[in-house]
PDB file of N, CA and C in Angstrom:
ATOM      1  N   MET A   1     191.005  57.265  50.038  1.00  0.00           N
ATOM      2  CA  MET A   1     189.968  58.247  50.539  1.00  0.00           C
ATOM      3  C   MET A   1     190.542  59.599  50.119  1.00  0.00           C
ATOM      4  N   THR A   2     190.050  60.282  49.215  1.00  0.00           N
ATOM      5  CA  THR A   2     190.388  61.656  48.931  1.00  0.00           C
ATOM      6  C   THR A   2     189.463  62.586  49.593  1.00  0.00           C
ATOM      7  N   GLY A   3     190.051  63.820  49.858  1.00  0.00           N
ATOM      8  CA  GLY A   3     189.188  64.839  50.516  1.00  0.00           C
ATOM      9  C   GLY A   3     188.847  64.482  51.975  1.00  0.00           C
ATOM     10  N   GLN A   4     189.718  63.742  52.669  1.00  0.00           N
ATOM     11  CA  GLN A   4     189.467  63.363  54.008  1.00  0.00           C
ATOM     12  C   GLN A   4     189.512  64.523  54.946  1.00  0.00           C
ATOM     13  N   LEU A   5     188.544  64.431  55.923  1.00  0.00           N
ATOM     14  CA  LEU A   5     188.605  65.404  57.083  1.00  0.00           C
ATOM     15  C   LEU A   5     189.327  64.774  58.167  1.00  0.00           C
ATOM     16  N   GLN A   6     190.144  65.551  58.860  1.00  0.00           N
ATOM     17  CA  GLN A   6     190.897  64.992  59.985  1.00  0.00           C
ATOM     18  C   GLN A   6     190.509  65.654  61.340  1.00  0.00           C
ATOM     19  N   TYR A   7     190.476  64.813  62.303  1.00  0.00           N
ATOM     20  CA  TYR A   7     190.057  65.294  63.609  1.00  0.00           C
ATOM     21  C   TYR A   7     191.099  64.700  64.606  1.00  0.00           C
ATOM     22  N   THR A   8     191.686  65.550  65.363  1.00  0.00           N
ATOM     23  CA  THR A   8     192.654  65.258  66.477  1.00  0.00           C
ATOM     24  C   THR A   8     192.078  65.503  67.824  1.00  0.00           C
ATOM     25  N   PHE A   9     192.221  64.547  68.783  1.00  0.00           N
ATOM     26  CA  PHE A   9     191.728  64.825  70.097  1.00  0.00           C
ATOM     27  C   PHE A   9     192.537  63.944  71.065  1.00  0.00           C
ATOM     28  N   SER A  10     192.401  64.217  72.314  1.00  0.00           N
ATOM     29  CA  SER A  10     192.910  63.361  73.387  1.00  0.00           C
ATOM     30  C   SER A  10     191.812  62.768  74.169  1.00  0.00           C
ATOM     31  N   ALA A  11     191.965  61.478  74.573  1.00  0.00           N
ATOM     32  CA  ALA A  11     190.817  60.789  75.212  1.00  0.00           C
ATOM     33  C   ALA A  11     191.430  59.689  76.138  1.00  0.00           C
ATOM     34  N   GLU A  12     190.720  59.335  77.168  1.00  0.00           N
ATOM     35  CA  GLU A  12     191.095  58.220  78.041  1.00  0.00           C
ATOM     36  C   GLU A  12     190.518  56.934  77.488  1.00  0.00           C
ATOM     37  N   VAL A  13     191.335  55.842  77.601  1.00  0.00           N
ATOM     38  CA  VAL A  13     191.029  54.565  77.121  1.00  0.00           C
ATOM     39  C   VAL A  13     190.075  53.896  78.158  1.00  0.00           C
ATOM     40  N   TRP A  14     189.033  53.274  77.716  1.00  0.00           N
ATOM     41  CA  TRP A  14     188.135  52.606  78.696  1.00  0.00           C
ATOM     42  C   TRP A  14     187.703  51.241  78.063  1.00  0.00           C
ATOM     43  N   LYS A  15     187.272  50.333  78.852  1.00  0.00           N
ATOM     44  CA  LYS A  15     186.920  48.976  78.468  1.00  0.00           C
ATOM     45  C   LYS A  15     185.401  48.755  78.753  1.00  0.00           C
ATOM     46  N   TYR A  16     184.684  48.271  77.693  1.00  0.00           N
ATOM     47  CA  TYR A  16     183.346  47.895  77.770  1.00  0.00           C
ATOM     48  C   TYR A  16     183.173  46.857  78.827  1.00  0.00           C
ATOM     49  N   SER A  17     182.173  46.878  79.670  1.00  0.00           N
ATOM     50  CA  SER A  17     182.130  45.880  80.838  1.00  0.00           C
ATOM     51  C   SER A  17     181.554  44.528  80.488  1.00  0.00           C
ATOM     52  N   GLY A  18     181.147  44.314  79.291  1.00  0.00           N
ATOM     53  CA  GLY A  18     180.548  42.993  78.882  1.00  0.00           C
ATOM     54  C   GLY A  18     181.697  41.977  78.701  1.00  0.00           C
ATOM     55  N   THR A  19     181.268  40.746  78.521  1.00  0.00           N
ATOM     56  CA  THR A  19     182.142  39.583  78.384  1.00  0.00           C
ATOM     57  C   THR A  19     183.078  39.877  77.217  1.00  0.00           C
ATOM     58  N   ASN A  20     184.369  39.636  77.434  1.00  0.00           N
ATOM     59  CA  ASN A  20     185.433  39.924  76.401  1.00  0.00           C
ATOM     60  C   ASN A  20     185.283  41.347  75.913  1.00  0.00           C
ATOM     61  N   GLY A  21     185.035  42.285  76.738  1.00  0.00           N
ATOM     62  CA  GLY A  21     184.697  43.682  76.350  1.00  0.00           C
ATOM     63  C   GLY A  21     185.867  44.314  75.523  1.00  0.00           C
ATOM     64  N   TRP A  22     185.484  45.150  74.533  1.00  0.00           N
ATOM     65  CA  TRP A  22     186.238  45.881  73.714  1.00  0.00           C
ATOM     66  C   TRP A  22     186.848  47.058  74.489  1.00  0.00           C
ATOM     67  N   TYR A  23     188.042  47.566  73.991  1.00  0.00           N
ATOM     68  CA  TYR A  23     188.629  48.736  74.519  1.00  0.00           C
ATOM     69  C   TYR A  23     188.202  49.946  73.475  1.00  0.00           C
ATOM     70  N   PHE A  24     187.981  51.070  74.173  1.00  0.00           N
ATOM     71  CA  PHE A  24     187.480  52.164  73.288  1.00  0.00           C
ATOM     72  C   PHE A  24     188.180  53.482  73.749  1.00  0.00           C
ATOM     73  N   VAL A  25     188.004  54.478  72.888  1.00  0.00           N
ATOM     74  CA  VAL A  25     188.156  55.909  73.330  1.00  0.00           C
ATOM     75  C   VAL A  25     186.950  56.583  72.746  1.00  0.00           C
ATOM     76  N   SER A  26     186.302  57.491  73.511  1.00  0.00           N
ATOM     77  CA  SER A  26     185.167  58.253  73.117  1.00  0.00           C
ATOM     78  C   SER A  26     185.597  59.570  72.574  1.00  0.00           C
ATOM     79  N   LEU A  27     185.071  59.897  71.396  1.00  0.00           N
ATOM     80  CA  LEU A  27     185.409  61.099  70.793  1.00  0.00           C
ATOM     81  C   LEU A  27     184.684  62.176  71.505  1.00  0.00           C
ATOM     82  N   PRO A  28     185.293  63.409  71.673  1.00  0.00           N
ATOM     83  CA  PRO A  28     184.686  64.499  72.457  1.00  0.00           C
ATOM     84  C   PRO A  28     183.358  64.895  71.852  1.00  0.00           C
ATOM     85  N   MET A  29     182.411  65.333  72.737  1.00  0.00           N
ATOM     86  CA  MET A  29     181.110  65.633  72.304  1.00  0.00           C
ATOM     87  C   MET A  29     181.060  66.590  71.116  1.00  0.00           C
ATOM     88  N   PHE A  30     181.857  67.683  71.153  1.00  0.00           N
ATOM     89  CA  PHE A  30     181.819  68.694  70.135  1.00  0.00           C
ATOM     90  C   PHE A  30     182.281  68.084  68.757  1.00  0.00           C
ATOM     91  N   LEU A  31     183.226  67.155  68.799  1.00  0.00           N
ATOM     92  CA  LEU A  31     183.683  66.544  67.543  1.00  0.00           C
ATOM     93  C   LEU A  31     182.624  65.568  67.057  1.00  0.00           C
ATOM     94  N   SER A  32     182.033  64.895  67.969  1.00  0.00           N
ATOM     95  CA  SER A  32     180.936  63.938  67.539  1.00  0.00           C
ATOM     96  C   SER A  32     179.798  64.556  66.921  1.00  0.00           C
ATOM     97  N   GLU A  33     179.479  65.777  67.463  1.00  0.00           N
ATOM     98  CA  GLU A  33     178.369  66.562  66.871  1.00  0.00           C
ATOM     99  C   GLU A  33     178.757  67.068  65.418  1.00  0.00           C
ATOM    100  N   GLU A  34     180.034  67.564  65.330  1.00  0.00           N
ATOM    101  CA  GLU A  34     180.447  68.008  64.096  1.00  0.00           C
ATOM    102  C   GLU A  34     180.536  66.921  63.034  1.00  0.00           C
ATOM    103  N   ILE A  35     181.056  65.779  63.445  1.00  0.00           N
ATOM    104  CA  ILE A  35     181.156  64.655  62.461  1.00  0.00           C
ATOM    105  C   ILE A  35     179.736  64.132  62.139  1.00  0.00           C
ATOM    106  N   ARG A  36     178.885  64.039  63.051  1.00  0.00           N
ATOM    107  CA  ARG A  36     177.597  63.502  62.789  1.00  0.00           C
ATOM    108  C   ARG A  36     176.780  64.472  61.854  1.00  0.00           C
ATOM    109  N   ASN A  37     176.910  65.740  62.078  1.00  0.00           N
ATOM    110  CA  ASN A  37     176.239  66.802  61.253  1.00  0.00           C
ATOM    111  C   ASN A  37     176.730  66.740  59.818  1.00  0.00           C
ATOM    112  N   SER A  38     178.058  66.464  59.566  1.00  0.00           N
ATOM    113  CA  SER A  38     178.516  66.453  58.227  1.00  0.00           C
ATOM    114  C   SER A  38     178.614  65.074  57.528  1.00  0.00           C
ATOM    115  N   HIS A  39     178.602  63.991  58.309  1.00  0.00           N
ATOM    116  CA  HIS A  39     178.905  62.682  57.755  1.00  0.00           C
ATOM    117  C   HIS A  39     177.749  61.677  57.993  1.00  0.00           C
ATOM    118  N   LYS A  40     176.745  62.038  58.683  1.00  0.00           N
ATOM    119  CA  LYS A  40     175.668  61.095  58.948  1.00  0.00           C
ATOM    120  C   LYS A  40     175.142  60.321  57.741  1.00  0.00           C
ATOM    121  N   TRP A  41     175.165  60.960  56.650  1.00  0.00           N
ATOM    122  CA  TRP A  41     174.726  60.266  55.358  1.00  0.00           C
ATOM    123  C   TRP A  41     175.611  59.275  54.965  1.00  0.00           C
ATOM    124  N   GLN A  42     176.848  59.149  55.500  1.00  0.00           N
ATOM    125  CA  GLN A  42     177.762  58.116  55.054  1.00  0.00           C
ATOM    126  C   GLN A  42     177.707  56.932  56.038  1.00  0.00           C
ATOM    127  N   GLU A  43     177.039  57.083  57.134  1.00  0.00           N
ATOM    128  CA  GLU A  43     176.913  55.934  58.111  1.00  0.00           C
ATOM    129  C   GLU A  43     176.340  54.729  57.532  1.00  0.00           C
ATOM    130  N   GLU A  44     176.830  53.573  57.905  1.00  0.00           N
ATOM    131  CA  GLU A  44     176.284  52.353  57.630  1.00  0.00           C
ATOM    132  C   GLU A  44     175.431  51.844  58.883  1.00  0.00           C
ATOM    133  N   GLY A  45     175.070  50.616  58.874  1.00  0.00           N
ATOM    134  CA  GLY A  45     174.251  50.126  59.931  1.00  0.00           C
ATOM    135  C   GLY A  45     174.821  50.353  61.342  1.00  0.00           C
ATOM    136  N   TRP A  46     174.003  50.611  62.295  1.00  0.00           N
ATOM    137  CA  TRP A  46     174.312  50.779  63.697  1.00  0.00           C
ATOM    138  C   TRP A  46     175.324  52.054  63.905  1.00  0.00           C
ATOM    139  N   GLY A  47     175.123  53.005  63.035  1.00  0.00           N
ATOM    140  CA  GLY A  47     175.914  54.250  63.208  1.00  0.00           C
ATOM    141  C   GLY A  47     177.421  54.100  62.815  1.00  0.00           C
ATOM    142  N   ARG A  48     177.714  53.067  62.076  1.00  0.00           N
ATOM    143  CA  ARG A  48     179.128  52.870  61.711  1.00  0.00           C
ATOM    144  C   ARG A  48     179.567  53.805  60.615  1.00  0.00           C
ATOM    145  N   LEU A  49     180.759  54.388  60.834  1.00  0.00           N
ATOM    146  CA  LEU A  49     181.328  55.328  59.871  1.00  0.00           C
ATOM    147  C   LEU A  49     182.757  54.966  59.612  1.00  0.00           C
ATOM    148  N   LYS A  50     183.045  54.625  58.376  1.00  0.00           N
ATOM    149  CA  LYS A  50     184.469  54.120  58.089  1.00  0.00           C
ATOM    150  C   LYS A  50     185.503  55.307  58.381  1.00  0.00           C
ATOM    151  N   ALA A  51     186.632  54.829  58.849  1.00  0.00           N
ATOM    152  CA  ALA A  51     187.632  55.922  59.236  1.00  0.00           C
ATOM    153  C   ALA A  51     188.995  55.236  59.160  1.00  0.00           C
ATOM    154  N   ILE A  52     189.974  56.099  59.213  1.00  0.00           N
ATOM    155  CA  ILE A  52     191.456  55.698  59.416  1.00  0.00           C
ATOM    156  C   ILE A  52     191.926  56.359  60.737  1.00  0.00           C
ATOM    157  N   ALA A  53     192.446  55.579  61.625  1.00  0.00           N
ATOM    158  CA  ALA A  53     192.812  56.110  62.994  1.00  0.00           C
ATOM    159  C   ALA A  53     194.337  56.030  63.045  1.00  0.00           C
ATOM    160  N   THR A  54     194.897  56.980  63.857  1.00  0.00           N
ATOM    161  CA  THR A  54     196.288  56.990  64.150  1.00  0.00           C
ATOM    162  C   THR A  54     196.491  57.271  65.592  1.00  0.00           C
ATOM    163  N   ILE A  55     197.314  56.377  66.311  1.00  0.00           N
ATOM    164  CA  ILE A  55     197.732  56.635  67.674  1.00  0.00           C
ATOM    165  C   ILE A  55     199.144  56.320  67.672  1.00  0.00           C
ATOM    166  N   GLY A  56     200.017  57.282  68.065  1.00  0.00           N
ATOM    167  CA  GLY A  56     201.425  57.152  68.005  1.00  0.00           C
ATOM    168  C   GLY A  56     201.916  56.903  66.666  1.00  0.00           C
ATOM    169  N   THR A  57     202.572  55.857  66.368  1.00  0.00           N
ATOM    170  CA  THR A  57     203.141  55.550  65.013  1.00  0.00           C
ATOM    171  C   THR A  57     202.292  54.530  64.275  1.00  0.00           C
ATOM    172  N   THR A  58     201.179  54.166  64.946  1.00  0.00           N
ATOM    173  CA  THR A  58     200.288  53.114  64.403  1.00  0.00           C
ATOM    174  C   THR A  58     199.072  53.720  63.685  1.00  0.00           C
ATOM    175  N   GLU A  59     198.972  53.343  62.476  1.00  0.00           N
ATOM    176  CA  GLU A  59     197.725  53.804  61.691  1.00  0.00           C
ATOM    177  C   GLU A  59     197.009  52.563  61.266  1.00  0.00           C
ATOM    178  N   TRP A  60     195.632  52.551  61.273  1.00  0.00           N
ATOM    179  CA  TRP A  60     194.869  51.408  60.898  1.00  0.00           C
ATOM    180  C   TRP A  60     193.488  51.825  60.333  1.00  0.00           C
ATOM    181  N   LYS A  61     192.983  51.011  59.334  1.00  0.00           N
ATOM    182  CA  LYS A  61     191.623  51.198  58.913  1.00  0.00           C
ATOM    183  C   LYS A  61     190.696  50.696  59.911  1.00  0.00           C
ATOM    184  N   THR A  62     189.502  51.358  60.182  1.00  0.00           N
ATOM    185  CA  THR A  62     188.730  51.016  61.182  1.00  0.00           C
ATOM    186  C   THR A  62     187.369  51.667  60.965  1.00  0.00           C
ATOM    187  N   ALA A  63     186.596  51.885  62.003  1.00  0.00           N
ATOM    188  CA  ALA A  63     185.318  52.541  61.900  1.00  0.00           C
ATOM    189  C   ALA A  63     185.027  53.195  63.221  1.00  0.00           C
ATOM    190  N   ILE A  64     184.346  54.277  63.318  1.00  0.00           N
ATOM    191  CA  ILE A  64     183.807  54.766  64.535  1.00  0.00           C
ATOM    192  C   ILE A  64     182.382  54.513  64.568  1.00  0.00           C
ATOM    193  N   TRP A  65     181.784  54.318  65.786  1.00  0.00           N
ATOM    194  CA  TRP A  65     180.473  53.864  65.977  1.00  0.00           C
ATOM    195  C   TRP A  65     179.726  54.963  66.830  1.00  0.00           C
ATOM    196  N   TYR A  66     178.598  55.320  66.407  1.00  0.00           N
ATOM    197  CA  TYR A  66     177.854  56.371  67.118  1.00  0.00           C
ATOM    198  C   TYR A  66     177.011  55.659  68.196  1.00  0.00           C
ATOM    199  N   ASP A  67     177.292  56.016  69.407  1.00  0.00           N
ATOM    200  CA  ASP A  67     176.687  55.550  70.636  1.00  0.00           C
ATOM    201  C   ASP A  67     175.528  56.535  71.013  1.00  0.00           C
ATOM    202  N   THR A  68     174.274  56.099  70.771  1.00  0.00           N
ATOM    203  CA  THR A  68     173.120  56.997  71.112  1.00  0.00           C
ATOM    204  C   THR A  68     173.040  57.277  72.579  1.00  0.00           C
ATOM    205  N   LYS A  69     173.483  56.459  73.487  1.00  0.00           N
ATOM    206  CA  LYS A  69     173.418  56.702  74.918  1.00  0.00           C
ATOM    207  C   LYS A  69     174.337  57.775  75.314  1.00  0.00           C
ATOM    208  N   GLN A  70     175.552  57.820  74.874  1.00  0.00           N
ATOM    209  CA  GLN A  70     176.566  58.803  75.212  1.00  0.00           C
ATOM    210  C   GLN A  70     176.451  60.086  74.125  1.00  0.00           C
ATOM    211  N   GLN A  71     175.759  59.766  73.036  1.00  0.00           N
ATOM    212  CA  GLN A  71     175.663  60.817  72.022  1.00  0.00           C
ATOM    213  C   GLN A  71     177.036  61.298  71.524  1.00  0.00           C
ATOM    214  N   ARG A  72     177.864  60.314  71.305  1.00  0.00           N
ATOM    215  CA  ARG A  72     179.171  60.551  70.688  1.00  0.00           C
ATOM    216  C   ARG A  72     179.652  59.289  70.022  1.00  0.00           C
ATOM    217  N   TYR A  73     180.671  59.420  69.176  1.00  0.00           N
ATOM    218  CA  TYR A  73     181.216  58.316  68.484  1.00  0.00           C
ATOM    219  C   TYR A  73     182.259  57.609  69.439  1.00  0.00           C
ATOM    220  N   LEU A  74     182.404  56.335  69.170  1.00  0.00           N
ATOM    221  CA  LEU A  74     183.434  55.531  69.862  1.00  0.00           C
ATOM    222  C   LEU A  74     184.359  54.919  68.892  1.00  0.00           C
ATOM    223  N   LEU A  75     185.610  54.966  69.217  1.00  0.00           N
ATOM    224  CA  LEU A  75     186.704  54.358  68.399  1.00  0.00           C
ATOM    225  C   LEU A  75     187.178  53.088  69.110  1.00  0.00           C
ATOM    226  N   PRO A  76     186.996  51.890  68.524  1.00  0.00           N
ATOM    227  CA  PRO A  76     187.453  50.670  69.141  1.00  0.00           C
ATOM    228  C   PRO A  76     189.012  50.677  68.949  1.00  0.00           C
ATOM    229  N   LEU A  77     189.587  49.997  69.993  1.00  0.00           N
ATOM    230  CA  LEU A  77     191.086  49.890  69.816  1.00  0.00           C
ATOM    231  C   LEU A  77     191.453  48.386  69.787  1.00  0.00           C
ATOM    232  N   LYS A  78     191.936  47.907  68.613  1.00  0.00           N
ATOM    233  CA  LYS A  78     192.232  46.477  68.432  1.00  0.00           C
ATOM    234  C   LYS A  78     193.476  46.179  69.409  1.00  0.00           C
ATOM    235  N   ALA A  79     193.563  44.886  69.761  1.00  0.00           N
ATOM    236  CA  ALA A  79     194.596  44.354  70.652  1.00  0.00           C
ATOM    237  C   ALA A  79     195.973  44.684  70.023  1.00  0.00           C
ATOM    238  N   GLU A  80     196.129  44.506  68.686  1.00  0.00           N
ATOM    239  CA  GLU A  80     197.359  44.653  67.993  1.00  0.00           C
ATOM    240  C   GLU A  80     197.824  46.154  68.217  1.00  0.00           C
ATOM    241  N   VAL A  81     196.921  47.136  68.144  1.00  0.00           N
ATOM    242  CA  VAL A  81     197.234  48.553  68.354  1.00  0.00           C
ATOM    243  C   VAL A  81     197.569  48.790  69.811  1.00  0.00           C
ATOM    244  N   ARG A  82     196.776  48.180  70.680  1.00  0.00           N
ATOM    245  CA  ARG A  82     197.085  48.477  72.085  1.00  0.00           C
ATOM    246  C   ARG A  82     198.456  47.929  72.518  1.00  0.00           C
ATOM    247  N   LYS A  83     198.764  46.703  71.997  1.00  0.00           N
ATOM    248  CA  LYS A  83     200.148  46.084  72.228  1.00  0.00           C
ATOM    249  C   LYS A  83     201.209  46.958  71.692  1.00  0.00           C
ATOM    250  N   LYS A  84     201.070  47.331  70.532  1.00  0.00           N
ATOM    251  CA  LYS A  84     202.202  48.086  69.830  1.00  0.00           C
ATOM    252  C   LYS A  84     202.492  49.497  70.479  1.00  0.00           C
ATOM    253  N   GLU A  85     201.308  50.111  70.862  1.00  0.00           N
ATOM    254  CA  GLU A  85     201.402  51.466  71.483  1.00  0.00           C
ATOM    255  C   GLU A  85     201.492  51.424  72.993  1.00  0.00           C
ATOM    256  N   ARG A  86     201.486  50.246  73.587  1.00  0.00           N
ATOM    257  CA  ARG A  86     201.435  50.068  75.101  1.00  0.00           C
ATOM    258  C   ARG A  86     200.310  50.873  75.697  1.00  0.00           C
ATOM    259  N   ILE A  87     199.119  50.510  75.189  1.00  0.00           N
ATOM    260  CA  ILE A  87     197.847  51.227  75.648  1.00  0.00           C
ATOM    261  C   ILE A  87     197.146  50.440  76.745  1.00  0.00           C
ATOM    262  N   GLU A  88     196.802  50.965  77.772  1.00  0.00           N
ATOM    263  CA  GLU A  88     196.036  50.276  78.920  1.00  0.00           C
ATOM    264  C   GLU A  88     194.882  51.137  79.295  1.00  0.00           C
ATOM    265  N   ILE A  89     193.966  50.555  79.970  1.00  0.00           N
ATOM    266  CA  ILE A  89     192.825  51.203  80.544  1.00  0.00           C
ATOM    267  C   ILE A  89     193.176  52.406  81.320  1.00  0.00           C
ATOM    268  N   GLY A  90     192.600  53.574  81.143  1.00  0.00           N
ATOM    269  CA  GLY A  90     192.928  54.810  81.843  1.00  0.00           C
ATOM    270  C   GLY A  90     194.016  55.663  81.284  1.00  0.00           C
ATOM    271  N   LYS A  91     194.731  55.082  80.313  1.00  0.00           N
ATOM    272  CA  LYS A  91     195.807  55.932  79.615  1.00  0.00           C
ATOM    273  C   LYS A  91     195.140  56.907  78.688  1.00  0.00           C
ATOM    274  N   VAL A  92     195.591  58.192  78.755  1.00  0.00           N
ATOM    275  CA  VAL A  92     195.172  59.199  77.757  1.00  0.00           C
ATOM    276  C   VAL A  92     195.987  59.210  76.517  1.00  0.00           C
ATOM    277  N   VAL A  93     195.317  59.057  75.391  1.00  0.00           N
ATOM    278  CA  VAL A  93     196.036  58.856  74.103  1.00  0.00           C
ATOM    279  C   VAL A  93     195.686  59.973  73.191  1.00  0.00           C
ATOM    280  N   GLU A  94     196.649  60.399  72.386  1.00  0.00           N
ATOM    281  CA  GLU A  94     196.418  61.436  71.261  1.00  0.00           C
ATOM    282  C   GLU A  94     195.909  60.693  70.010  1.00  0.00           C
ATOM    283  N   VAL A  95     194.753  61.009  69.488  1.00  0.00           N
ATOM    284  CA  VAL A  95     194.219  60.313  68.396  1.00  0.00           C
ATOM    285  C   VAL A  95     194.000  61.193  67.268  1.00  0.00           C
ATOM    286  N   LEU A  96     194.281  60.711  66.013  1.00  0.00           N
ATOM    287  CA  LEU A  96     193.933  61.315  64.732  1.00  0.00           C
ATOM    288  C   LEU A  96     193.022  60.428  64.007  1.00  0.00           C
ATOM    289  N   VAL A  97     191.869  60.932  63.651  1.00  0.00           N
ATOM    290  CA  VAL A  97     190.794  60.225  62.930  1.00  0.00           C
ATOM    291  C   VAL A  97     190.577  60.865  61.617  1.00  0.00           C
ATOM    292  N   LYS A  98     190.636  60.178  60.565  1.00  0.00           N
ATOM    293  CA  LYS A  98     190.352  60.633  59.142  1.00  0.00           C
ATOM    294  C   LYS A  98     189.111  60.008  58.662  1.00  0.00           C
ATOM    295  N   ILE A  99     188.226  60.825  58.092  1.00  0.00           N
ATOM    296  CA  ILE A  99     186.965  60.310  57.579  1.00  0.00           C
ATOM    297  C   ILE A  99     186.883  60.695  56.081  1.00  0.00           C
TER     298      ILE A  99
END
């Protein structure tokens, strides 16, 4: 991915309440608005936008998803990443997202 835009933020980890719920961090509203305004044309189905995320020393290919209820993007945190970086619900993490 050349010409990537980078966004850094801090966010609290939360878990979706559904069965086998995923863990997420919500991107701040102002970043979500900025990303949506400049990258909406790149979104795939369900507001999916390909990205590369970094937390601590762990970088992975992923996607952020636009949640119309919260009006912000959500970054899912895979179990592998949570284990490696010792991430739990309620922990505030520093995140770098490249689009």
